[in-house]
Amino acid sequence: MSRKVALTTIDNPYDPFTQFDEWFAFDEIKSYCSCSLLARIANTSSDLNFEQTNEVIENAIDRIVNNLNPFGIYKKVIKEN
């Protein structure tokens, strides 16, 4: 079984997996810029395979949620396939 993870905020009513456009619009309107934050923290590379890239992204999400979240707005969501 595989899984996907995403960074979101506690007040975003949209599912980042199935309603990405709405989720992204809400996130940007609120000036959270979650995608940009994740891109700055995750050290991805074209040299990484799919599993490695997903691991780097999940580690970056964990870092944001646990260490770079002074107002407690960010959270990690998981979708099992």
N, C-alpha and C. Protein backbone atom coordinates (compact mmCIF):
# COMPACT_ATOMS: atom_id res chain seq x y z
N MET A 1 0.84 -1.18 0.00
CA MET A 1 0.00 0.00 0.00
C MET A 1 0.89 1.24 0.00
N SER A 2 0.57 2.17 -0.86
CA SER A 2 1.33 3.41 -0.91
C SER A 2 0.53 4.52 -0.26
N ARG A 3 1.21 5.59 0.01
CA ARG A 3 0.54 6.73 0.62
C ARG A 3 1.10 8.02 0.08
N LYS A 4 0.31 9.07 0.21
CA LYS A 4 0.72 10.41 -0.18
C LYS A 4 0.62 11.29 1.05
N VAL A 5 1.48 12.29 1.11
CA VAL A 5 1.42 13.26 2.20
C VAL A 5 1.38 14.65 1.60
N ALA A 6 0.78 15.57 2.34
CA ALA A 6 0.70 16.95 1.88
C ALA A 6 0.76 17.88 3.09
N LEU A 7 1.21 19.08 2.84
CA LEU A 7 1.21 20.14 3.83
C LEU A 7 -0.05 20.97 3.61
N THR A 8 -0.76 21.26 4.67
CA THR A 8 -1.94 22.11 4.58
C THR A 8 -2.02 22.95 5.85
N THR A 9 -3.09 23.70 5.97
CA THR A 9 -3.30 24.51 7.17
C THR A 9 -4.58 24.05 7.86
N ILE A 10 -4.68 24.36 9.14
CA ILE A 10 -5.81 23.87 9.92
C ILE A 10 -7.15 24.46 9.48
N ASP A 11 -7.14 25.60 8.79
CA ASP A 11 -8.38 26.25 8.39
C ASP A 11 -8.74 26.07 6.92
N ASN A 12 -7.92 25.35 6.18
CA ASN A 12 -8.21 25.17 4.75
C ASN A 12 -9.26 24.06 4.60
N PRO A 13 -10.45 24.38 4.07
CA PRO A 13 -11.51 23.38 3.99
C PRO A 13 -11.38 22.42 2.81
N TYR A 14 -10.40 22.64 1.94
CA TYR A 14 -10.27 21.84 0.73
C TYR A 14 -9.23 20.74 0.89
N ASP A 15 -9.45 19.66 0.16
CA ASP A 15 -8.55 18.51 0.17
C ASP A 15 -7.42 18.77 -0.84
N PRO A 16 -6.16 18.82 -0.38
CA PRO A 16 -5.07 19.10 -1.31
C PRO A 16 -4.84 17.97 -2.32
N PHE A 17 -5.40 16.80 -2.08
CA PHE A 17 -5.24 15.67 -3.00
C PHE A 17 -6.29 15.68 -4.10
N THR A 18 -7.52 16.01 -3.76
CA THR A 18 -8.62 15.91 -4.73
C THR A 18 -9.19 17.26 -5.17
N GLN A 19 -8.87 18.33 -4.43
CA GLN A 19 -9.38 19.66 -4.76
C GLN A 19 -8.22 20.65 -4.78
N PHE A 20 -7.17 20.29 -5.49
CA PHE A 20 -5.94 21.08 -5.41
C PHE A 20 -6.14 22.53 -5.83
N ASP A 21 -6.86 22.79 -6.90
CA ASP A 21 -7.02 24.18 -7.37
C ASP A 21 -7.70 25.05 -6.30
N GLU A 22 -8.76 24.52 -5.71
CA GLU A 22 -9.46 25.25 -4.65
C GLU A 22 -8.58 25.38 -3.41
N TRP A 23 -7.90 24.28 -3.07
CA TRP A 23 -7.00 24.29 -1.92
C TRP A 23 -5.92 25.35 -2.10
N PHE A 24 -5.30 25.38 -3.29
CA PHE A 24 -4.21 26.31 -3.58
C PHE A 24 -4.71 27.76 -3.54
N ALA A 25 -5.88 28.00 -4.13
CA ALA A 25 -6.44 29.37 -4.14
C ALA A 25 -6.68 29.85 -2.71
N PHE A 26 -7.27 29.02 -1.87
CA PHE A 26 -7.50 29.38 -0.47
C PHE A 26 -6.18 29.68 0.23
N ASP A 27 -5.20 28.81 0.02
CA ASP A 27 -3.89 28.95 0.65
C ASP A 27 -3.20 30.25 0.25
N GLU A 28 -3.28 30.60 -1.01
CA GLU A 28 -2.65 31.82 -1.49
C GLU A 28 -3.41 33.07 -1.04
N ILE A 29 -4.75 33.02 -1.05
CA ILE A 29 -5.54 34.16 -0.59
C ILE A 29 -5.21 34.49 0.87
N LYS A 30 -5.00 33.47 1.67
CA LYS A 30 -4.66 33.65 3.08
C LYS A 30 -3.18 33.99 3.29
N SER A 31 -2.42 34.02 2.21
CA SER A 31 -0.97 34.32 2.24
C SER A 31 -0.16 33.31 3.04
N TYR A 32 -0.62 32.05 3.09
CA TYR A 32 0.16 31.01 3.75
C TYR A 32 1.32 30.55 2.85
N CYS A 33 1.06 30.48 1.57
CA CYS A 33 2.09 30.09 0.59
C CYS A 33 2.75 28.77 0.96
N SER A 34 1.93 27.78 1.28
CA SER A 34 2.42 26.48 1.73
C SER A 34 3.31 25.81 0.69
N CYS A 35 2.95 25.89 -0.58
CA CYS A 35 3.76 25.26 -1.63
C CYS A 35 5.14 25.91 -1.71
N SER A 36 5.19 27.22 -1.61
CA SER A 36 6.47 27.92 -1.65
C SER A 36 7.32 27.59 -0.44
N LEU A 37 6.69 27.52 0.72
CA LEU A 37 7.42 27.16 1.94
C LEU A 37 7.99 25.76 1.81
N LEU A 38 7.18 24.83 1.36
CA LEU A 38 7.65 23.45 1.20
C LEU A 38 8.79 23.38 0.18
N ALA A 39 8.69 24.14 -0.89
CA ALA A 39 9.75 24.14 -1.90
C ALA A 39 11.07 24.68 -1.33
N ARG A 40 10.99 25.65 -0.42
CA ARG A 40 12.21 26.20 0.19
C ARG A 40 12.86 25.21 1.16
N ILE A 41 12.05 24.41 1.84
CA ILE A 41 12.56 23.52 2.87
C ILE A 41 13.00 22.18 2.30
N ALA A 42 12.29 21.65 1.34
CA ALA A 42 12.60 20.33 0.77
C ALA A 42 13.77 20.44 -0.20
N ASN A 43 14.80 19.68 0.06
CA ASN A 43 15.98 19.66 -0.81
C ASN A 43 15.85 18.55 -1.84
N THR A 44 14.98 18.79 -2.82
CA THR A 44 14.77 17.79 -3.86
C THR A 44 15.82 17.97 -4.96
N SER A 45 15.93 16.94 -5.78
CA SER A 45 16.91 16.96 -6.87
C SER A 45 16.42 16.03 -7.96
N SER A 46 16.78 16.34 -9.18
CA SER A 46 16.42 15.45 -10.29
C SER A 46 17.21 14.14 -10.22
N ASP A 47 18.21 14.08 -9.35
CA ASP A 47 18.98 12.85 -9.17
C ASP A 47 18.27 11.84 -8.28
N LEU A 48 17.20 12.27 -7.61
CA LEU A 48 16.47 11.37 -6.70
C LEU A 48 15.39 10.61 -7.46
N ASN A 49 15.15 9.36 -7.05
CA ASN A 49 14.05 8.62 -7.65
C ASN A 49 12.74 9.01 -6.96
N PHE A 50 11.65 8.42 -7.39
CA PHE A 50 10.32 8.78 -6.89
C PHE A 50 10.22 8.59 -5.38
N GLU A 51 10.65 7.44 -4.89
CA GLU A 51 10.56 7.15 -3.45
C GLU A 51 11.43 8.10 -2.64
N GLN A 52 12.62 8.38 -3.12
CA GLN A 52 13.53 9.29 -2.42
C GLN A 52 12.94 10.70 -2.38
N THR A 53 12.37 11.13 -3.47
CA THR A 53 11.75 12.46 -3.53
C THR A 53 10.60 12.55 -2.54
N ASN A 54 9.76 11.52 -2.50
CA ASN A 54 8.65 11.52 -1.55
C ASN A 54 9.15 11.54 -0.11
N GLU A 55 10.23 10.85 0.17
CA GLU A 55 10.79 10.85 1.52
C GLU A 55 11.32 12.23 1.90
N VAL A 56 12.01 12.88 0.97
CA VAL A 56 12.53 14.23 1.22
C VAL A 56 11.37 15.20 1.49
N ILE A 57 10.31 15.08 0.70
CA ILE A 57 9.16 15.96 0.87
C ILE A 57 8.48 15.69 2.21
N GLU A 58 8.30 14.43 2.56
CA GLU A 58 7.67 14.13 3.85
C GLU A 58 8.52 14.62 5.01
N ASN A 59 9.83 14.47 4.92
CA ASN A 59 10.70 14.98 5.98
C ASN A 59 10.60 16.50 6.10
N ALA A 60 10.49 17.18 4.96
CA ALA A 60 10.35 18.64 4.98
C ALA A 60 9.01 19.04 5.61
N ILE A 61 7.96 18.31 5.30
CA ILE A 61 6.65 18.59 5.90
C ILE A 61 6.73 18.40 7.41
N ASP A 62 7.36 17.31 7.84
CA ASP A 62 7.51 17.07 9.27
C ASP A 62 8.30 18.19 9.94
N ARG A 63 9.32 18.68 9.28
CA ARG A 63 10.13 19.77 9.83
C ARG A 63 9.30 21.04 9.97
N ILE A 64 8.51 21.34 8.95
CA ILE A 64 7.66 22.54 8.99
C ILE A 64 6.66 22.42 10.13
N VAL A 65 5.96 21.30 10.20
CA VAL A 65 4.92 21.12 11.21
C VAL A 65 5.50 21.13 12.62
N ASN A 66 6.64 20.47 12.82
CA ASN A 66 7.19 20.31 14.16
C ASN A 66 8.12 21.43 14.61
N ASN A 67 8.77 22.13 13.67
CA ASN A 67 9.79 23.10 14.05
C ASN A 67 9.59 24.51 13.51
N LEU A 68 8.84 24.66 12.44
CA LEU A 68 8.70 25.97 11.79
C LEU A 68 7.24 26.40 11.78
N ASN A 69 6.56 26.18 12.88
CA ASN A 69 5.12 26.36 12.94
C ASN A 69 4.73 27.09 14.22
N PRO A 70 5.25 28.30 14.45
CA PRO A 70 5.03 28.95 15.75
C PRO A 70 3.56 29.26 16.04
N PHE A 71 2.74 29.44 15.03
CA PHE A 71 1.33 29.75 15.25
C PHE A 71 0.44 28.52 15.17
N GLY A 72 1.03 27.36 14.89
CA GLY A 72 0.28 26.11 14.83
C GLY A 72 -0.71 26.01 13.69
N ILE A 73 -0.43 26.68 12.58
CA ILE A 73 -1.38 26.66 11.47
C ILE A 73 -1.15 25.51 10.49
N TYR A 74 0.08 25.03 10.40
CA TYR A 74 0.38 23.98 9.42
C TYR A 74 0.13 22.60 10.00
N LYS A 75 -0.31 21.69 9.13
CA LYS A 75 -0.48 20.30 9.54
C LYS A 75 -0.18 19.40 8.34
N LYS A 76 0.13 18.17 8.66
CA LYS A 76 0.42 17.15 7.66
C LYS A 76 -0.83 16.30 7.47
N VAL A 77 -1.20 16.06 6.22
CA VAL A 77 -2.31 15.17 5.93
C VAL A 77 -1.77 13.98 5.14
N ILE A 78 -2.35 12.84 5.38
CA ILE A 78 -1.91 11.60 4.75
C ILE A 78 -3.09 10.95 4.05
N LYS A 79 -2.83 10.47 2.85
CA LYS A 79 -3.85 9.74 2.09
C LYS A 79 -3.28 8.38 1.73
N GLU A 80 -3.92 7.33 2.25
CA GLU A 80 -3.51 5.97 1.94
C GLU A 80 -4.16 5.57 0.63
N ASN A 81 -3.40 4.93 -0.24
CA ASN A 81 -3.94 4.45 -1.53
C ASN A 81 -4.32 2.99 -1.41
